[in-house]
Amino acid sequence: MNANFNPKLPLVLYGAGRNASNAYAQVLSLGIKPVCFTDKDSKKWGKPAYLGGNLTVLALDEVRKKYCDFNIYITVAQSGSFAKLAVEAYLVEEEGISSDKILNFEPYIKRISCGLFEDTIAPLGERDIGLCRGGRLINVTQMPTTEWVDDPAKALDDFLAMRQKLINDNQENLVNSPCNNCIVLRNAAWPSEYHVRNYVLSTEPKSPCQFKCIYCYAGHYGNNDFETKKSSDKAIDKRVDLLLELEKRGLADPAFTVISLSDGEIAVDPKRANLYKLIERYKSWIYTNAGIYSEEIAVLLKKGLTHIVVSIDAGTRETFTKIKGIDAYIKVCENLKKYSAIAPRLVRLQYIYLPNRNDDIKDIDGFVELCDNINPEMVSVLLDVLSDKNTLDMKVLLGFFDLLDKLLLHGHSLFIGANVFLSNEERDIILDFAKNKDDGLIRDEQYYHRLKLALNEKVY
């Protein structure tokens, strides 16, 4: 809570979105009764903040007239999120609200950066530590990494020095910066203090996996026959040591750090016990193919901190076999039902939309039916932007939206993105396409609101 907060002033909740009811309950638990909601969206003014709520949404100018002096609590996103900091910057810099009046204010800094710079460490193999995997950078050969020395303290020092130099370079827009022209750089509000909120605990590209997905980048390291390969003891040990060093410095903590565990298939990795032990204290995302039902993953799900993400990429057995390189569709669906029965809101399904490969109506309908049966926490629908083809042409978008429409109309929460990153221009193309698509489907404002959320939601 803001140390300068004056509890005698009326409290106004900013943001009448999906977090409104939870935020209202949270503030009440602090012994504070809000007087109203406010929101930038004029379509919400004069209406209840949420279904069943008894507080009305007022325009900020109306709030000023009615209460003169008041405090604000931002409801739109969780603490430390970039969406929340963007609202803070808007209220302080555009609306003239003093930071002292924002109950859950967090210091921020305006600069050119990206979410990966601000909260992510991504170990690569056992030789490098990076901020990202290059993605759709123009200068992918200069992907920002630092050498991963054996001493964890020095390795972290080197990483932090590289990160700060790149941030400084990006403010000057230096041509020789590895991030020059990267599509995810933006001038926005970022946390003024650095904390690792996303620790990418990938093992390495050669980690064992019983699937042979046609889009897997690991295939570039040789063939896809990884069943007999083993994760390097050294690679895992270095990841553990680096996380412990982050904890020692207060840069990582179960209170705010999320661990993403990917690369290979963790359920068949001989070194998995060490990784499970490490992540059990943290909120984590395990990317699994669900080809094997893992009792160890089931135990983690029961503890309530672990989510699993399963990329299905098909809605029929035949297509699944072609894309995944293994006939395991029925088994995967069975295992998903078991996981979902343990923790239905801790399972996320994913569909990488591959034109001419899994865009058949049978696959789309089959996947939507699977989502209805599993009732996942969220569904990620990703465009294949790594393809040489134009993935945002009219034909591709028609099929892509057939899948999106059905998932949205069936009530599923969505994340819409790409198998690397979507640029702002590509997001605009998708939104414009939705608004101009003439197919007789009635799309109300709530539909577009959910679509915008899906395009801006952060994945972890």
Protein backbone atom coordinates (compact mmCIF):
# COMPACT_ATOMS: atom_id res chain seq x y z
CA MET A 1 0.00 0.00 0.00
CA ASN A 2 1.17 3.52 -0.81
CA ALA A 3 2.85 4.90 2.35
CA ASN A 4 1.40 8.35 1.65
CA PHE A 5 -2.17 7.08 1.34
CA ASN A 6 -4.74 9.14 3.26
CA PRO A 7 -7.45 6.72 4.48
CA LYS A 8 -9.87 9.56 5.28
CA LEU A 9 -10.49 10.39 1.61
CA PRO A 10 -13.12 8.57 -0.52
CA LEU A 11 -11.73 5.68 -2.58
CA VAL A 12 -12.53 5.36 -6.29
CA LEU A 13 -11.74 2.18 -8.21
CA TYR A 14 -10.25 2.74 -11.68
CA GLY A 15 -11.05 0.10 -14.27
CA ALA A 16 -14.43 -1.54 -14.81
CA GLY A 17 -13.05 -4.60 -16.56
CA ARG A 18 -12.68 -8.28 -15.79
CA ASN A 19 -10.78 -7.65 -12.53
CA ALA A 20 -13.40 -5.24 -11.16
CA SER A 21 -15.26 -7.62 -8.86
CA ASN A 22 -12.07 -9.17 -7.46
CA ALA A 23 -10.55 -5.73 -6.82
CA TYR A 24 -13.72 -4.58 -5.07
CA ALA A 25 -13.58 -7.59 -2.74
CA GLN A 26 -9.89 -7.07 -2.12
CA VAL A 27 -10.35 -3.44 -1.11
CA LEU A 28 -13.26 -4.35 1.17
CA SER A 29 -10.97 -6.89 2.88
CA LEU A 30 -8.69 -3.97 3.77
CA GLY A 31 -11.56 -2.32 5.61
CA ILE A 32 -12.11 0.32 2.91
CA LYS A 33 -15.47 0.82 1.20
CA PRO A 34 -15.17 2.32 -2.31
CA VAL A 35 -17.64 4.98 -3.42
CA CYS A 36 -17.68 4.29 -7.17
CA PHE A 37 -15.77 3.09 -10.22
CA THR A 38 -14.29 5.20 -13.00
CA ASP A 39 -13.02 4.21 -16.43
CA LYS A 40 -11.65 5.87 -19.56
CA ASP A 41 -14.15 3.99 -21.73
CA SER A 42 -17.22 6.23 -22.10
CA LYS A 43 -19.39 3.21 -23.05
CA LYS A 44 -19.15 2.02 -19.43
CA TRP A 45 -20.27 5.29 -17.83
CA GLY A 46 -23.56 5.16 -15.97
CA LYS A 47 -23.57 1.36 -15.83
CA PRO A 48 -22.74 -1.14 -13.07
CA ALA A 49 -19.01 -1.88 -12.94
CA TYR A 50 -19.66 -5.60 -13.22
CA LEU A 51 -22.58 -8.02 -13.32
CA GLY A 52 -24.23 -8.05 -9.91
CA GLY A 53 -22.23 -5.09 -8.67
CA ASN A 54 -23.90 -2.17 -6.91
CA LEU A 55 -21.38 0.56 -7.80
CA THR A 56 -21.77 2.66 -10.94
CA VAL A 57 -19.02 3.68 -13.34
CA LEU A 58 -18.59 7.46 -13.55
CA ALA A 59 -16.50 9.61 -15.86
CA LEU A 60 -13.38 10.90 -14.11
CA ASP A 61 -14.57 14.50 -14.52
CA GLU A 62 -17.84 13.58 -12.81
CA VAL A 63 -15.89 11.98 -9.97
CA ARG A 64 -13.89 15.19 -9.56
CA LYS A 65 -17.08 17.25 -9.35
CA LYS A 66 -18.73 14.89 -6.89
CA TYR A 67 -15.86 14.24 -4.49
CA CYS A 68 -13.28 16.99 -5.12
CA ASP A 69 -10.49 15.12 -3.36
CA PHE A 70 -10.25 11.33 -3.48
CA ASN A 71 -7.92 8.32 -3.69
CA ILE A 72 -7.72 5.82 -6.55
CA TYR A 73 -7.14 2.08 -6.61
CA ILE A 74 -6.19 0.63 -10.03
CA THR A 75 -8.02 -2.62 -10.77
CA VAL A 76 -7.05 -3.30 -14.38
CA ALA A 77 -4.14 -5.70 -13.80
CA GLN A 78 -1.96 -7.34 -11.21
CA SER A 79 0.85 -5.64 -9.34
CA GLY A 80 3.98 -5.12 -11.42
CA SER A 81 2.26 -5.74 -14.75
CA PHE A 82 2.98 -3.44 -17.67
CA ALA A 83 -0.74 -2.87 -18.22
CA LYS A 84 -1.09 -1.49 -14.69
CA LEU A 85 1.94 0.77 -15.11
CA ALA A 86 0.45 2.09 -18.35
CA VAL A 87 -2.69 3.10 -16.44
CA GLU A 88 -0.55 4.74 -13.75
CA ALA A 89 1.29 6.78 -16.37
CA TYR A 90 -2.02 7.81 -17.96
CA LEU A 91 -3.53 8.93 -14.63
CA VAL A 92 -0.41 10.80 -13.49
CA GLU A 93 0.75 12.32 -16.79
CA GLU A 94 -2.51 12.91 -18.65
CA GLU A 95 -5.11 13.27 -15.90
CA GLY A 96 -2.88 15.03 -13.36
CA ILE A 97 -3.58 12.57 -10.53
CA SER A 98 -0.89 12.77 -7.84
CA SER A 99 0.90 9.46 -7.26
CA ASP A 100 0.22 9.99 -3.53
CA LYS A 101 -3.48 9.53 -4.26
CA ILE A 102 -3.05 6.13 -5.94
CA LEU A 103 -3.41 3.45 -3.27
CA ASN A 104 -1.46 0.77 -5.12
CA PHE A 105 1.00 3.07 -6.92
CA GLU A 106 4.30 1.53 -8.03
CA PRO A 107 7.23 3.68 -9.22
CA TYR A 108 7.81 3.52 -12.97
CA ILE A 109 10.13 4.93 -15.59
CA LYS A 110 9.29 5.94 -19.18
CA ARG A 111 11.71 4.58 -21.77
CA ILE A 112 12.07 2.49 -24.92
CA SER A 113 12.10 -1.14 -23.87
CA CYS A 114 10.16 -4.41 -24.05
CA GLY A 115 8.66 -6.84 -21.57
CA LEU A 116 11.54 -9.28 -22.02
CA PHE A 117 14.09 -6.62 -21.08
CA GLU A 118 12.09 -5.62 -18.04
CA ASP A 119 11.36 -8.95 -16.39
CA THR A 120 12.82 -11.98 -18.18
CA ILE A 121 15.95 -14.13 -18.07
CA ALA A 122 16.19 -16.87 -20.69
CA PRO A 123 19.14 -19.28 -20.27
CA LEU A 124 20.15 -20.77 -23.63
CA GLY A 125 21.74 -24.23 -23.58
CA GLU A 126 24.63 -24.16 -21.11
CA ARG A 127 26.74 -21.48 -22.77
CA ASP A 128 24.67 -18.29 -22.96
CA ILE A 129 22.18 -16.25 -20.96
CA GLY A 130 19.77 -14.13 -22.98
CA LEU A 131 16.74 -11.90 -22.82
CA CYS A 132 14.92 -13.64 -25.65
CA ARG A 133 15.52 -16.15 -28.42
CA GLY A 134 15.87 -13.52 -31.12
CA GLY A 135 12.35 -14.04 -32.40
CA ARG A 136 11.69 -11.72 -35.32
CA LEU A 137 14.60 -9.38 -34.70
CA ILE A 138 16.07 -7.87 -37.85
CA ASN A 139 19.58 -8.59 -36.53
CA VAL A 140 18.99 -12.14 -35.35
CA THR A 141 22.68 -12.95 -35.72
CA GLN A 142 23.31 -10.43 -32.93
CA MET A 143 20.78 -11.89 -30.52
CA PRO A 144 21.43 -10.26 -27.12
CA THR A 145 23.24 -12.81 -24.97
CA THR A 146 26.14 -12.96 -22.56
CA GLU A 147 28.53 -15.84 -21.95
CA TRP A 148 27.36 -18.11 -19.15
CA VAL A 149 30.41 -18.61 -16.94
CA ASP A 150 30.41 -21.25 -14.21
CA ASP A 151 30.45 -18.75 -11.33
CA PRO A 152 26.74 -17.80 -10.87
CA ALA A 153 27.55 -14.44 -9.26
CA LYS A 154 29.77 -13.37 -12.17
CA ALA A 155 27.31 -14.80 -14.70
CA LEU A 156 24.53 -12.64 -13.22
CA ASP A 157 26.78 -9.58 -13.05
CA ASP A 158 27.63 -10.01 -16.74
CA PHE A 159 23.99 -10.44 -17.67
CA LEU A 160 22.87 -7.35 -15.74
CA ALA A 161 25.65 -5.28 -17.31
CA MET A 162 24.64 -6.44 -20.81
CA ARG A 163 21.00 -5.67 -20.09
CA GLN A 164 21.73 -2.15 -18.88
CA LYS A 165 24.00 -1.41 -21.85
CA LEU A 166 21.32 -2.55 -24.28
CA ILE A 167 18.68 -0.42 -22.54
CA ASN A 168 20.98 2.61 -22.80
CA ASP A 169 21.73 1.85 -26.46
CA ASN A 170 18.05 1.54 -27.30
CA GLN A 171 17.31 5.01 -25.92
CA GLU A 172 19.77 6.37 -28.50
CA ASN A 173 18.39 4.09 -31.24
CA LEU A 174 21.86 2.91 -32.17
CA VAL A 175 21.97 1.02 -35.46
CA ASN A 176 24.41 -1.54 -34.09
CA SER A 177 22.15 -2.55 -31.19
CA PRO A 178 20.90 -6.15 -31.50
CA CYS A 179 17.42 -4.80 -30.71
CA ASN A 180 17.43 -2.23 -33.51
CA ASN A 181 14.10 -2.39 -35.39
CA CYS A 182 12.72 -5.16 -33.15
CA ILE A 183 8.93 -5.14 -33.46
CA VAL A 184 8.24 -5.42 -29.72
CA LEU A 185 10.24 -2.35 -28.60
CA ARG A 186 7.98 0.48 -27.42
CA ASN A 187 8.16 3.72 -25.46
CA ALA A 188 6.08 3.02 -22.36
CA ALA A 189 6.00 2.92 -18.57
CA TRP A 190 8.22 0.21 -17.08
CA PRO A 191 9.07 -0.74 -13.48
CA SER A 192 11.75 1.52 -12.02
CA GLU A 193 13.23 -1.43 -10.11
CA TYR A 194 14.35 -4.59 -11.88
CA HIS A 195 12.87 -7.90 -10.77
CA VAL A 196 12.81 -11.20 -12.63
CA ARG A 197 9.14 -12.00 -13.07
CA ASN A 198 9.70 -14.61 -15.79
CA TYR A 199 12.52 -17.12 -15.39
CA VAL A 200 12.65 -19.29 -18.51
CA LEU A 201 13.89 -22.57 -17.09
CA SER A 202 14.23 -24.25 -20.45
CA THR A 203 16.78 -27.01 -20.42
CA GLU A 204 18.27 -27.07 -23.92
CA PRO A 205 17.27 -27.77 -27.53
CA LYS A 206 18.60 -31.31 -27.28
CA SER A 207 16.40 -32.19 -24.31
CA PRO A 208 14.58 -35.52 -24.75
CA CYS A 209 11.17 -35.58 -26.39
CA GLN A 210 9.05 -38.40 -27.78
CA PHE A 211 7.27 -36.13 -30.30
CA LYS A 212 8.62 -34.89 -33.63
CA CYS A 213 6.59 -31.72 -34.28
CA ILE A 214 7.09 -30.37 -37.79
CA TYR A 215 7.54 -26.77 -36.58
CA CYS A 216 9.94 -27.52 -33.69
CA TYR A 217 13.10 -25.41 -33.88
CA ALA A 218 15.03 -28.24 -32.22
CA GLY A 219 15.03 -29.98 -35.58
CA HIS A 220 17.60 -27.46 -36.73
CA TYR A 221 20.09 -29.07 -34.34
CA GLY A 222 19.99 -32.36 -36.19
CA ASN A 223 17.16 -34.84 -36.53
CA ASN A 224 14.15 -34.93 -34.28
CA ASP A 225 14.95 -38.29 -32.74
CA PHE A 226 15.53 -37.03 -29.21
CA GLU A 227 14.13 -39.91 -27.19
CA THR A 228 17.57 -41.18 -26.22
CA LYS A 229 19.18 -37.79 -25.63
CA LYS A 230 19.70 -36.48 -22.11
CA SER A 231 19.66 -33.00 -20.68
CA SER A 232 23.12 -31.97 -19.60
CA ASP A 233 23.70 -32.21 -15.85
CA LYS A 234 25.72 -29.03 -16.15
CA ALA A 235 22.92 -27.18 -17.97
CA ILE A 236 20.43 -27.99 -15.20
CA ASP A 237 22.89 -27.28 -12.38
CA LYS A 238 23.70 -23.87 -13.87
CA ARG A 239 20.01 -22.99 -14.07
CA VAL A 240 19.49 -23.95 -10.45
CA ASP A 241 22.56 -21.97 -9.34
CA LEU A 242 21.51 -18.89 -11.31
CA LEU A 243 18.03 -18.91 -9.78
CA LEU A 244 19.52 -19.25 -6.29
CA GLU A 245 21.79 -16.28 -7.02
CA LEU A 246 18.78 -14.24 -8.16
CA GLU A 247 16.99 -15.14 -4.93
CA LYS A 248 20.06 -14.18 -2.89
CA ARG A 249 19.99 -10.68 -4.40
CA GLY A 250 16.24 -10.27 -4.03
CA LEU A 251 15.73 -10.24 -7.81
CA ALA A 252 13.66 -13.44 -7.85
CA ASP A 253 11.14 -14.59 -5.29
CA PRO A 254 8.11 -16.93 -5.24
CA ALA A 255 6.02 -13.85 -4.43
CA PHE A 256 6.50 -12.36 -7.91
CA THR A 257 8.59 -14.69 -10.10
CA VAL A 258 7.01 -17.18 -12.51
CA ILE A 259 9.05 -20.05 -13.91
CA SER A 260 8.44 -21.23 -17.47
CA LEU A 261 9.65 -24.79 -18.10
CA SER A 262 9.91 -25.74 -21.75
CA ASP A 263 12.16 -27.40 -24.36
CA GLY A 264 11.86 -31.10 -24.91
CA GLU A 265 9.29 -33.04 -22.86
CA ILE A 266 9.83 -32.75 -19.13
CA ALA A 267 7.85 -35.94 -18.40
CA VAL A 268 10.51 -38.09 -20.13
CA ASP A 269 13.59 -36.15 -19.00
CA PRO A 270 15.78 -38.27 -16.68
CA LYS A 271 16.75 -35.08 -14.82
CA ARG A 272 13.17 -33.97 -14.20
CA ALA A 273 13.19 -34.65 -10.43
CA ASN A 274 15.71 -31.84 -9.87
CA LEU A 275 13.63 -29.44 -11.93
CA TYR A 276 10.36 -30.34 -10.21
CA LYS A 277 11.97 -29.82 -6.81
CA LEU A 278 13.19 -26.41 -7.89
CA ILE A 279 9.87 -25.13 -9.22
CA GLU A 280 7.54 -26.49 -6.52
CA ARG A 281 7.92 -23.28 -4.49
CA TYR A 282 7.06 -21.07 -7.47
CA LYS A 283 4.11 -20.36 -9.68
CA SER A 284 5.12 -22.09 -12.88
CA TRP A 285 4.12 -22.86 -16.43
CA ILE A 286 5.09 -26.32 -17.67
CA TYR A 287 4.94 -26.74 -21.43
CA THR A 288 4.18 -30.43 -21.92
CA ASN A 289 2.91 -32.43 -24.89
CA ALA A 290 0.75 -34.58 -22.53
CA GLY A 291 1.68 -37.68 -24.46
CA ILE A 292 2.50 -39.27 -21.12
CA TYR A 293 0.43 -38.81 -17.99
CA SER A 294 2.86 -37.66 -15.32
CA GLU A 295 2.04 -38.32 -11.67
CA GLU A 296 4.72 -35.75 -10.79
CA ILE A 297 2.96 -33.05 -12.81
CA ALA A 298 -0.34 -34.13 -11.26
CA VAL A 299 1.13 -33.58 -7.77
CA LEU A 300 2.31 -30.09 -8.78
CA LEU A 301 -1.17 -29.28 -10.15
CA LYS A 302 -2.75 -30.34 -6.87
CA LYS A 303 -0.56 -27.84 -5.02
CA GLY A 304 -2.18 -25.09 -7.10
CA LEU A 305 0.94 -23.19 -8.21
CA THR A 306 1.66 -25.00 -11.47
CA HIS A 307 -0.13 -24.47 -14.78
CA ILE A 308 0.37 -26.68 -17.82
CA VAL A 309 0.29 -25.59 -21.45
CA VAL A 310 -0.41 -28.19 -24.13
CA SER A 311 -0.15 -27.32 -27.82
CA ILE A 312 -2.68 -29.54 -29.61
CA ASP A 313 -2.47 -28.01 -33.12
CA ALA A 314 -5.14 -30.34 -34.47
CA GLY A 315 -8.70 -31.47 -33.97
CA THR A 316 -8.45 -34.88 -35.60
CA ARG A 317 -6.24 -37.90 -35.07
CA GLU A 318 -4.98 -37.84 -38.66
CA THR A 319 -3.85 -34.20 -38.61
CA PHE A 320 -2.32 -34.58 -35.15
CA THR A 321 -0.20 -37.48 -36.38
CA LYS A 322 1.05 -35.47 -39.37
CA ILE A 323 1.96 -32.40 -37.33
CA LYS A 324 3.26 -34.10 -34.19
CA GLY A 325 4.98 -37.00 -35.89
CA ILE A 326 3.34 -39.52 -33.58
CA ASP A 327 -0.10 -41.17 -33.36
CA ALA A 328 -1.00 -40.00 -29.86
CA TYR A 329 -4.07 -37.78 -30.26
CA ILE A 330 -6.45 -40.06 -28.34
CA LYS A 331 -3.90 -40.57 -25.56
CA VAL A 332 -3.24 -36.83 -25.24
CA CYS A 333 -6.97 -36.09 -25.01
CA GLU A 334 -7.35 -38.75 -22.29
CA ASN A 335 -4.44 -37.33 -20.31
CA LEU A 336 -5.81 -33.80 -20.61
CA LYS A 337 -9.10 -34.95 -19.11
CA LYS A 338 -7.17 -36.45 -16.17
CA TYR A 339 -5.19 -33.25 -15.59
CA SER A 340 -8.31 -31.13 -15.96
CA ALA A 341 -10.15 -33.24 -13.41
CA ILE A 342 -7.41 -32.38 -10.88
CA ALA A 343 -7.22 -28.66 -11.61
CA PRO A 344 -9.59 -27.49 -14.37
CA ARG A 345 -8.43 -23.87 -14.25
CA LEU A 346 -4.73 -24.68 -14.35
CA VAL A 347 -4.75 -26.13 -17.87
CA ARG A 348 -4.18 -24.03 -20.98
CA LEU A 349 -4.62 -25.39 -24.48
CA GLN A 350 -2.79 -24.04 -27.52
CA TYR A 351 -3.33 -24.15 -31.28
CA ILE A 352 -0.59 -23.06 -33.67
CA TYR A 353 -2.56 -22.23 -36.82
CA LEU A 354 -0.64 -23.66 -39.80
CA PRO A 355 -2.22 -22.75 -43.17
CA ASN A 356 -2.99 -25.76 -45.37
CA ARG A 357 -2.01 -28.14 -42.58
CA ASN A 358 -4.47 -27.81 -39.70
CA ASP A 359 -7.01 -25.27 -41.00
CA ASP A 360 -9.58 -27.85 -42.11
CA ILE A 361 -13.08 -27.39 -40.69
CA LYS A 362 -12.89 -30.85 -39.09
CA ASP A 363 -9.77 -29.85 -37.18
CA ILE A 364 -11.21 -26.52 -36.06
CA ASP A 365 -14.49 -28.09 -34.90
CA GLY A 366 -12.62 -30.96 -33.24
CA PHE A 367 -10.37 -28.59 -31.32
CA VAL A 368 -13.27 -26.42 -30.18
CA GLU A 369 -15.08 -29.56 -28.97
CA LEU A 370 -11.96 -30.57 -27.02
CA CYS A 371 -11.84 -27.13 -25.42
CA ASP A 372 -15.50 -27.46 -24.43
CA ASN A 373 -14.76 -30.82 -22.79
CA ILE A 374 -11.61 -29.68 -20.99
CA ASN A 375 -12.79 -26.14 -20.09
CA PRO A 376 -9.24 -24.74 -20.01
CA GLU A 377 -8.18 -21.63 -18.10
CA MET A 378 -7.35 -20.05 -21.47
CA VAL A 379 -6.83 -21.00 -25.10
CA SER A 380 -3.80 -19.66 -26.96
CA VAL A 381 -4.30 -19.35 -30.72
CA LEU A 382 -1.04 -18.59 -32.50
CA LEU A 383 -0.33 -17.63 -36.10
CA ASP A 384 2.62 -19.23 -37.81
CA VAL A 385 4.58 -16.02 -38.49
CA LEU A 386 7.84 -17.90 -39.02
CA SER A 387 6.55 -19.26 -42.32
CA ASP A 388 7.90 -17.83 -45.55
CA LYS A 389 4.32 -17.17 -46.62
CA ASN A 390 2.30 -14.06 -45.79
CA THR A 391 0.42 -15.37 -42.78
CA LEU A 392 -1.92 -12.38 -42.65
CA ASP A 393 -3.37 -12.59 -46.15
CA MET A 394 -7.14 -12.68 -46.59
CA LYS A 395 -7.47 -16.43 -47.04
CA VAL A 396 -5.45 -17.23 -43.93
CA LEU A 397 -7.37 -14.72 -41.79
CA LEU A 398 -10.70 -16.14 -42.91
CA GLY A 399 -9.80 -19.54 -41.54
CA PHE A 400 -8.05 -18.09 -38.51
CA PHE A 401 -11.18 -16.16 -37.56
CA ASP A 402 -13.38 -19.18 -38.04
CA LEU A 403 -11.42 -20.72 -35.16
CA LEU A 404 -11.39 -17.50 -33.08
CA ASP A 405 -15.10 -16.88 -33.54
CA LYS A 406 -16.08 -20.37 -32.46
CA LEU A 407 -13.85 -20.26 -29.38
CA LEU A 408 -15.11 -16.81 -28.36
CA LEU A 409 -18.74 -17.70 -28.97
CA HIS A 410 -18.28 -20.84 -26.88
CA GLY A 411 -17.15 -18.62 -24.01
CA HIS A 412 -13.44 -19.45 -23.94
CA SER A 413 -10.89 -16.86 -22.80
CA LEU A 414 -8.31 -16.33 -25.52
CA PHE A 415 -4.76 -15.25 -26.04
CA ILE A 416 -4.10 -14.37 -29.68
CA GLY A 417 -0.50 -14.19 -30.78
CA ALA A 418 2.10 -15.87 -32.89
CA ASN A 419 4.71 -18.58 -32.54
CA VAL A 420 7.19 -15.75 -31.95
CA PHE A 421 5.71 -12.25 -31.66
CA LEU A 422 2.92 -10.23 -33.25
CA SER A 423 3.78 -6.67 -34.19
CA ASN A 424 1.38 -3.81 -33.40
CA GLU A 425 0.66 -3.50 -37.13
CA GLU A 426 -0.32 -7.17 -37.30
CA ARG A 427 -2.59 -6.75 -34.26
CA ASP A 428 -4.31 -3.84 -36.02
CA ILE A 429 -4.76 -5.93 -39.16
CA ILE A 430 -6.49 -8.65 -37.13
CA LEU A 431 -8.79 -6.17 -35.37
CA ASP A 432 -9.65 -4.36 -38.62
CA PHE A 433 -10.37 -7.67 -40.28
CA ALA A 434 -12.79 -8.56 -37.47
CA LYS A 435 -14.64 -5.26 -37.83
CA ASN A 436 -14.94 -5.52 -41.61
CA LYS A 437 -15.62 -9.22 -41.91
CA ASP A 438 -19.03 -9.61 -43.56
CA ASP A 439 -20.27 -13.06 -42.60
CA GLY A 440 -23.62 -12.29 -40.97
CA LEU A 441 -22.27 -12.87 -37.46
CA ILE A 442 -23.39 -10.21 -34.98
CA ARG A 443 -20.39 -8.97 -33.01
CA ASP A 444 -21.21 -6.66 -30.11
CA GLU A 445 -18.86 -4.36 -28.21
CA GLN A 446 -18.17 -7.11 -25.67
CA TYR A 447 -16.84 -9.28 -28.51
CA TYR A 448 -14.37 -6.60 -29.61
CA HIS A 449 -13.41 -5.93 -26.00
CA ARG A 450 -12.58 -9.61 -25.50
CA LEU A 451 -10.73 -9.66 -28.81
CA LYS A 452 -8.58 -6.70 -27.77
CA LEU A 453 -7.85 -8.36 -24.43
CA ALA A 454 -6.83 -11.51 -26.26
CA LEU A 455 -4.40 -9.56 -28.43
CA ASN A 456 -2.78 -7.80 -25.50
CA GLU A 457 -2.79 -10.45 -22.79
CA LYS A 458 0.64 -11.56 -21.53
CA VAL A 459 1.29 -15.27 -21.70
CA TYR A 460 2.38 -16.46 -18.28
